PDB file of N, CA and C in Angstrom:
ATOM      1  N   UNK A   1     -38.375 -15.062   4.244  1.00  0.00           N
ATOM      2  CA  UNK A   1     -37.801 -13.849   4.791  1.00  0.00           C
ATOM      3  C   UNK A   1     -36.546 -14.171   5.597  1.00  0.00           C
ATOM      4  N   UNK A   2     -36.611 -15.245   6.337  1.00  0.00           N
ATOM      5  CA  UNK A   2     -35.463 -15.630   7.154  1.00  0.00           C
ATOM      6  C   UNK A   2     -34.267 -15.983   6.269  1.00  0.00           C
ATOM      7  N   UNK A   3     -34.555 -16.581   5.120  1.00  0.00           N
ATOM      8  CA  UNK A   3     -33.495 -16.942   4.182  1.00  0.00           C
ATOM      9  C   UNK A   3     -32.798 -15.688   3.643  1.00  0.00           C
ATOM     10  N   UNK A   4     -33.554 -14.634   3.402  1.00  0.00           N
ATOM     11  CA  UNK A   4     -32.970 -13.368   2.930  1.00  0.00           C
ATOM     12  C   UNK A   4     -32.017 -12.788   3.971  1.00  0.00           C
ATOM     13  N   UNK A   5     -32.410 -12.834   5.235  1.00  0.00           N
ATOM     14  CA  UNK A   5     -31.539 -12.339   6.300  1.00  0.00           C
ATOM     15  C   UNK A   5     -30.256 -13.160   6.398  1.00  0.00           C
ATOM     16  N   UNK A   6     -30.387 -14.447   6.246  1.00  0.00           N
ATOM     17  CA  UNK A   6     -29.223 -15.325   6.310  1.00  0.00           C
ATOM     18  C   UNK A   6     -28.266 -15.050   5.150  1.00  0.00           C
ATOM     19  N   UNK A   7     -28.805 -14.871   3.968  1.00  0.00           N
ATOM     20  CA  UNK A   7     -27.975 -14.563   2.796  1.00  0.00           C
ATOM     21  C   UNK A   7     -27.291 -13.212   2.977  1.00  0.00           C
ATOM     22  N   UNK A   8     -28.022 -12.218   3.457  1.00  0.00           N
ATOM     23  CA  UNK A   8     -27.443 -10.891   3.683  1.00  0.00           C
ATOM     24  C   UNK A   8     -26.336 -10.952   4.725  1.00  0.00           C
ATOM     25  N   UNK A   9     -26.545 -11.701   5.781  1.00  0.00           N
ATOM     26  CA  UNK A   9     -25.528 -11.845   6.818  1.00  0.00           C
ATOM     27  C   UNK A   9     -24.270 -12.506   6.270  1.00  0.00           C
ATOM     28  N   UNK A  10     -24.447 -13.551   5.479  1.00  0.00           N
ATOM     29  CA  UNK A  10     -23.294 -14.234   4.870  1.00  0.00           C
ATOM     30  C   UNK A  10     -22.530 -13.304   3.940  1.00  0.00           C
ATOM     31  N   UNK A  11     -23.249 -12.521   3.158  1.00  0.00           N
ATOM     32  CA  UNK A  11     -22.591 -11.571   2.257  1.00  0.00           C
ATOM     33  C   UNK A  11     -21.771 -10.544   3.033  1.00  0.00           C
ATOM     34  N   UNK A  12     -22.320 -10.048   4.129  1.00  0.00           N
ATOM     35  CA  UNK A  12     -21.592  -9.075   4.940  1.00  0.00           C
ATOM     36  C   UNK A  12     -20.332  -9.681   5.553  1.00  0.00           C
ATOM     37  N   UNK A  13     -20.440 -10.886   6.049  1.00  0.00           N
ATOM     38  CA  UNK A  13     -19.292 -11.550   6.675  1.00  0.00           C
ATOM     39  C   UNK A  13     -18.203 -11.813   5.650  1.00  0.00           C
ATOM     40  N   UNK A  14     -18.576 -12.352   4.510  1.00  0.00           N
ATOM     41  CA  UNK A  14     -17.581 -12.694   3.495  1.00  0.00           C
ATOM     42  C   UNK A  14     -17.035 -11.469   2.774  1.00  0.00           C
ATOM     43  N   UNK A  15     -17.809 -10.400   2.687  1.00  0.00           N
ATOM     44  CA  UNK A  15     -17.322  -9.172   2.057  1.00  0.00           C
ATOM     45  C   UNK A  15     -16.169  -8.590   2.872  1.00  0.00           C
ATOM     46  N   UNK A  16     -16.264  -8.653   4.183  1.00  0.00           N
ATOM     47  CA  UNK A  16     -15.174  -8.170   5.026  1.00  0.00           C
ATOM     48  C   UNK A  16     -13.924  -9.006   4.873  1.00  0.00           C
ATOM     49  N   UNK A  17     -14.087 -10.297   4.718  1.00  0.00           N
ATOM     50  CA  UNK A  17     -12.933 -11.183   4.550  1.00  0.00           C
ATOM     51  C   UNK A  17     -12.252 -10.961   3.207  1.00  0.00           C
ATOM     52  N   UNK A  18     -13.010 -10.623   2.193  1.00  0.00           N
ATOM     53  CA  UNK A  18     -12.421 -10.382   0.876  1.00  0.00           C
ATOM     54  C   UNK A  18     -11.585  -9.111   0.846  1.00  0.00           C
ATOM     55  N   UNK A  19     -11.945  -8.133   1.653  1.00  0.00           N
ATOM     56  CA  UNK A  19     -11.209  -6.875   1.679  1.00  0.00           C
ATOM     57  C   UNK A  19      -9.990  -6.922   2.595  1.00  0.00           C
ATOM     58  N   UNK A  20      -9.845  -7.946   3.366  1.00  0.00           N
ATOM     59  CA  UNK A  20      -8.742  -8.045   4.319  1.00  0.00           C
ATOM     60  C   UNK A  20      -7.407  -8.080   3.587  1.00  0.00           C
ATOM     61  N   UNK A  21      -6.436  -7.383   4.143  1.00  0.00           N
ATOM     62  CA  UNK A  21      -5.102  -7.353   3.565  1.00  0.00           C
ATOM     63  C   UNK A  21      -4.206  -8.300   4.338  1.00  0.00           C
ATOM     64  N   UNK A  22      -3.207  -8.808   3.642  1.00  0.00           N
ATOM     65  CA  UNK A  22      -2.226  -9.648   4.307  1.00  0.00           C
ATOM     66  C   UNK A  22      -1.266  -8.751   5.078  1.00  0.00           C
ATOM     67  N   UNK A  23      -1.327  -8.832   6.384  1.00  0.00           N
ATOM     68  CA  UNK A  23      -0.450  -8.049   7.243  1.00  0.00           C
ATOM     69  C   UNK A  23       0.581  -9.002   7.817  1.00  0.00           C
ATOM     70  N   UNK A  24       1.862  -8.623   7.781  1.00  0.00           N
ATOM     71  CA  UNK A  24       2.894  -9.509   8.321  1.00  0.00           C
ATOM     72  C   UNK A  24       2.615  -9.861   9.781  1.00  0.00           C
ATOM     73  N   UNK A  25       2.861 -11.111  10.117  1.00  0.00           N
ATOM     74  CA  UNK A  25       2.625 -11.585  11.478  1.00  0.00           C
ATOM     75  C   UNK A  25       3.632 -11.003  12.470  1.00  0.00           C
ATOM     76  N   UNK A  26       4.894 -10.908  12.057  1.00  0.00           N
ATOM     77  CA  UNK A  26       5.940 -10.395  12.941  1.00  0.00           C
ATOM     78  C   UNK A  26       6.738  -9.319  12.221  1.00  0.00           C
ATOM     79  N   UNK A  27       7.495  -8.562  12.980  1.00  0.00           N
ATOM     80  CA  UNK A  27       8.320  -7.506  12.397  1.00  0.00           C
ATOM     81  C   UNK A  27       9.415  -8.070  11.501  1.00  0.00           C
ATOM     82  N   UNK A  28       9.838  -9.298  11.750  1.00  0.00           N
ATOM     83  CA  UNK A  28      10.891  -9.888  10.918  1.00  0.00           C
ATOM     84  C   UNK A  28      10.371 -10.308   9.546  1.00  0.00           C
ATOM     85  N   UNK A  29       9.044 -10.365   9.372  1.00  0.00           N
ATOM     86  CA  UNK A  29       8.471 -10.688   8.068  1.00  0.00           C
ATOM     87  C   UNK A  29       8.476  -9.494   7.116  1.00  0.00           C
ATOM     88  N   UNK A  30       8.672  -8.304   7.652  1.00  0.00           N
ATOM     89  CA  UNK A  30       8.708  -7.088   6.841  1.00  0.00           C
ATOM     90  C   UNK A  30      10.098  -6.960   6.240  1.00  0.00           C
ATOM     91  N   UNK A  31      10.158  -6.637   4.964  1.00  0.00           N
ATOM     92  CA  UNK A  31      11.449  -6.498   4.289  1.00  0.00           C
ATOM     93  C   UNK A  31      11.617  -5.070   3.791  1.00  0.00           C
ATOM     94  N   UNK A  32      12.113  -4.184   4.639  1.00  0.00           N
ATOM     95  CA  UNK A  32      12.262  -2.785   4.234  1.00  0.00           C
ATOM     96  C   UNK A  32      13.502  -2.583   3.370  1.00  0.00           C
ATOM     97  N   UNK A  33      13.569  -1.432   2.733  1.00  0.00           N
ATOM     98  CA  UNK A  33      14.797  -1.041   2.048  1.00  0.00           C
ATOM     99  C   UNK A  33      15.790  -0.614   3.115  1.00  0.00           C
ATOM    100  N   UNK A  34      16.978  -1.132   3.037  1.00  0.00           N
ATOM    101  CA  UNK A  34      18.018  -0.781   3.993  1.00  0.00           C
ATOM    102  C   UNK A  34      18.894   0.318   3.417  1.00  0.00           C
ATOM    103  N   UNK A  35      19.711   0.923   4.254  1.00  0.00           N
ATOM    104  CA  UNK A  35      20.604   1.991   3.820  1.00  0.00           C
ATOM    105  C   UNK A  35      21.484   1.484   2.696  1.00  0.00           C
ATOM    106  N   UNK A  36      21.533   2.241   1.609  1.00  0.00           N
ATOM    107  CA  UNK A  36      22.363   1.883   0.472  1.00  0.00           C
ATOM    108  C   UNK A  36      21.653   1.074  -0.594  1.00  0.00           C
ATOM    109  N   UNK A  37      20.466   0.571  -0.289  1.00  0.00           N
ATOM    110  CA  UNK A  37      19.718  -0.195  -1.289  1.00  0.00           C
ATOM    111  C   UNK A  37      19.057   0.762  -2.277  1.00  0.00           C
ATOM    112  N   UNK A  38      18.862   0.284  -3.509  1.00  0.00           N
ATOM    113  CA  UNK A  38      18.226   1.108  -4.527  1.00  0.00           C
ATOM    114  C   UNK A  38      16.711   0.958  -4.435  1.00  0.00           C
ATOM    115  N   UNK A  39      16.036   2.086  -4.427  1.00  0.00           N
ATOM    116  CA  UNK A  39      14.575   2.074  -4.348  1.00  0.00           C
ATOM    117  C   UNK A  39      13.982   1.701  -5.698  1.00  0.00           C
ATOM    118  N   UNK A  40      12.882   0.978  -5.704  1.00  0.00           N
ATOM    119  CA  UNK A  40      12.220   0.673  -6.975  1.00  0.00           C
ATOM    120  C   UNK A  40      11.647   1.948  -7.589  1.00  0.00           C
ATOM    121  N   UNK A  41      11.577   1.993  -8.893  1.00  0.00           N
ATOM    122  CA  UNK A  41      11.057   3.176  -9.585  1.00  0.00           C
ATOM    123  C   UNK A  41       9.570   2.985  -9.874  1.00  0.00           C
ATOM    124  N   UNK A  42       8.717   3.546  -9.030  1.00  0.00           N
ATOM    125  CA  UNK A  42       7.281   3.404  -9.271  1.00  0.00           C
ATOM    126  C   UNK A  42       6.835   4.246 -10.461  1.00  0.00           C
ATOM    127  N   UNK A  43       5.835   3.790 -11.156  1.00  0.00           N
ATOM    128  CA  UNK A  43       5.310   4.515 -12.313  1.00  0.00           C
ATOM    129  C   UNK A  43       3.996   5.190 -11.948  1.00  0.00           C
ATOM    130  N   UNK A  44       3.688   6.240 -12.646  1.00  0.00           N
ATOM    131  CA  UNK A  44       2.401   6.899 -12.464  1.00  0.00           C
ATOM    132  C   UNK A  44       2.322   7.830 -11.277  1.00  0.00           C
ATOM    133  N   UNK A  45       3.449   8.360 -10.822  1.00  0.00           N
ATOM    134  CA  UNK A  45       3.419   9.280  -9.692  1.00  0.00           C
ATOM    135  C   UNK A  45       3.074  10.685 -10.164  1.00  0.00           C
ATOM    136  N   UNK A  46       2.346  11.410  -9.343  1.00  0.00           N
ATOM    137  CA  UNK A  46       2.041  12.813  -9.621  1.00  0.00           C
ATOM    138  C   UNK A  46       2.386  13.633  -8.388  1.00  0.00           C
ATOM    139  N   UNK A  47       2.747  14.898  -8.622  1.00  0.00           N
ATOM    140  CA  UNK A  47       3.060  15.776  -7.495  1.00  0.00           C
ATOM    141  C   UNK A  47       1.786  16.447  -6.992  1.00  0.00           C
ATOM    142  N   UNK A  48       1.945  17.386  -6.053  1.00  0.00           N
ATOM    143  CA  UNK A  48       0.771  18.029  -5.469  1.00  0.00           C
ATOM    144  C   UNK A  48       0.031  18.940  -6.442  1.00  0.00           C
ATOM    145  N   UNK A  49       0.674  19.266  -7.577  1.00  0.00           N
ATOM    146  CA  UNK A  49       0.028  20.079  -8.605  1.00  0.00           C
ATOM    147  C   UNK A  49      -0.673  19.222  -9.660  1.00  0.00           C
ATOM    148  N   UNK A  50      -0.489  17.900  -9.586  1.00  0.00           N
ATOM    149  CA  UNK A  50      -1.120  16.998 -10.535  1.00  0.00           C
ATOM    150  C   UNK A  50      -0.291  16.705 -11.770  1.00  0.00           C
ATOM    151  N   UNK A  51       0.957  17.192 -11.814  1.00  0.00           N
ATOM    152  CA  UNK A  51       1.819  16.920 -12.964  1.00  0.00           C
ATOM    153  C   UNK A  51       2.636  15.660 -12.707  1.00  0.00           C
ATOM    154  N   UNK A  52       3.072  15.026 -13.796  1.00  0.00           N
ATOM    155  CA  UNK A  52       3.842  13.782 -13.686  1.00  0.00           C
ATOM    156  C   UNK A  52       5.147  14.028 -12.934  1.00  0.00           C
ATOM    157  N   UNK A  53       5.504  13.085 -12.070  1.00  0.00           N
ATOM    158  CA  UNK A  53       6.721  13.191 -11.267  1.00  0.00           C
ATOM    159  C   UNK A  53       7.630  12.030 -11.618  1.00  0.00           C
ATOM    160  N   UNK A  54       8.868  12.351 -12.043  1.00  0.00           N
ATOM    161  CA  UNK A  54       9.854  11.325 -12.395  1.00  0.00           C
ATOM    162  C   UNK A  54      10.679  10.995 -11.156  1.00  0.00           C
ATOM    163  N   UNK A  55      10.382   9.869 -10.551  1.00  0.00           N
ATOM    164  CA  UNK A  55      11.043   9.456  -9.313  1.00  0.00           C
ATOM    165  C   UNK A  55      12.539   9.238  -9.520  1.00  0.00           C
ATOM    166  N   UNK A  56      12.907   8.623 -10.636  1.00  0.00           N
ATOM    167  CA  UNK A  56      14.315   8.358 -10.925  1.00  0.00           C
ATOM    168  C   UNK A  56      15.127   9.630 -11.065  1.00  0.00           C
ATOM    169  N   UNK A  57      14.574  10.640 -11.723  1.00  0.00           N
ATOM    170  CA  UNK A  57      15.286  11.908 -11.906  1.00  0.00           C
ATOM    171  C   UNK A  57      15.440  12.649 -10.580  1.00  0.00           C
ATOM    172  N   UNK A  58      14.506  12.483  -9.679  1.00  0.00           N
ATOM    173  CA  UNK A  58      14.581  13.155  -8.382  1.00  0.00           C
ATOM    174  C   UNK A  58      15.675  12.569  -7.500  1.00  0.00           C
ATOM    175  N   UNK A  59      16.069  11.324  -7.755  1.00  0.00           N
ATOM    176  CA  UNK A  59      17.073  10.666  -6.921  1.00  0.00           C
ATOM    177  C   UNK A  59      18.501  10.847  -7.419  1.00  0.00           C
ATOM    178  N   UNK A  60      18.673  11.405  -8.607  1.00  0.00           N
ATOM    179  CA  UNK A  60      20.001  11.505  -9.215  1.00  0.00           C
ATOM    180  C   UNK A  60      20.889  12.461  -8.419  1.00  0.00           C
ATOM    181  N   UNK A  61      22.065  11.964  -8.032  1.00  0.00           N
ATOM    182  CA  UNK A  61      23.131  12.764  -7.403  1.00  0.00           C
ATOM    183  C   UNK A  61      22.741  13.482  -6.121  1.00  0.00           C
ATOM    184  N   UNK A  62      21.768  12.990  -5.399  1.00  0.00           N
ATOM    185  CA  UNK A  62      21.486  13.599  -4.103  1.00  0.00           C
ATOM    186  C   UNK A  62      20.893  12.555  -3.166  1.00  0.00           C
ATOM    187  N   UNK A  63      21.259  12.628  -1.902  1.00  0.00           N
ATOM    188  CA  UNK A  63      20.685  11.685  -0.946  1.00  0.00           C
ATOM    189  C   UNK A  63      19.188  11.967  -0.776  1.00  0.00           C
ATOM    190  N   UNK A  64      18.433  10.909  -0.560  1.00  0.00           N
ATOM    191  CA  UNK A  64      16.978  11.051  -0.479  1.00  0.00           C
ATOM    192  C   UNK A  64      16.444  10.238   0.690  1.00  0.00           C
ATOM    193  N   UNK A  65      15.512  10.820   1.400  1.00  0.00           N
ATOM    194  CA  UNK A  65      14.788  10.107   2.448  1.00  0.00           C
ATOM    195  C   UNK A  65      13.353   9.968   1.959  1.00  0.00           C
ATOM    196  N   UNK A  66      12.897   8.744   1.876  1.00  0.00           N
ATOM    197  CA  UNK A  66      11.548   8.474   1.387  1.00  0.00           C
ATOM    198  C   UNK A  66      10.761   7.820   2.511  1.00  0.00           C
ATOM    199  N   UNK A  67       9.638   8.429   2.876  1.00  0.00           N
ATOM    200  CA  UNK A  67       8.822   7.937   3.980  1.00  0.00           C
ATOM    201  C   UNK A  67       7.454   7.548   3.430  1.00  0.00           C
ATOM    202  N   UNK A  68       6.992   6.347   3.787  1.00  0.00           N
ATOM    203  CA  UNK A  68       5.669   5.880   3.390  1.00  0.00           C
ATOM    204  C   UNK A  68       4.772   5.873   4.616  1.00  0.00           C
ATOM    205  N   UNK A  69       3.599   6.406   4.462  1.00  0.00           N
ATOM    206  CA  UNK A  69       2.597   6.353   5.514  1.00  0.00           C
ATOM    207  C   UNK A  69       1.475   5.438   5.063  1.00  0.00           C
ATOM    208  N   UNK A  70       1.022   4.612   5.953  1.00  0.00           N
ATOM    209  CA  UNK A  70      -0.102   3.739   5.626  1.00  0.00           C
ATOM    210  C   UNK A  70      -1.357   4.603   5.570  1.00  0.00           C
ATOM    211  N   UNK A  71      -2.054   4.531   4.451  1.00  0.00           N
ATOM    212  CA  UNK A  71      -3.179   5.428   4.226  1.00  0.00           C
ATOM    213  C   UNK A  71      -4.475   5.017   4.893  1.00  0.00           C
ATOM    214  N   UNK A  72      -4.630   3.761   5.245  1.00  0.00           N
ATOM    215  CA  UNK A  72      -5.906   3.310   5.805  1.00  0.00           C
ATOM    216  C   UNK A  72      -5.635   2.244   6.858  1.00  0.00           C
ATOM    217  N   UNK A  73      -6.206   2.411   8.008  1.00  0.00           N
ATOM    218  CA  UNK A  73      -6.015   1.421   9.074  1.00  0.00           C
ATOM    219  C   UNK A  73      -7.241   0.611   9.120  1.00  0.00           C
TER     220      UNK A  73
END
């Protein structure tokens, strides 16, 4: 029985480590897009109605501000 508890504890500890994300140590490690840089064209975007959204077409001939929010802390 004690062995089962030990195995369960190890699984819980290591499961948390596997889900950990690499977070930059300092602000200088982050490489944001700067003013004038071209944004990458992500694939598979959908709008709030569930229809396909063409990111490249939305950026043509107009200035764009793109804000990313971290979805999970």
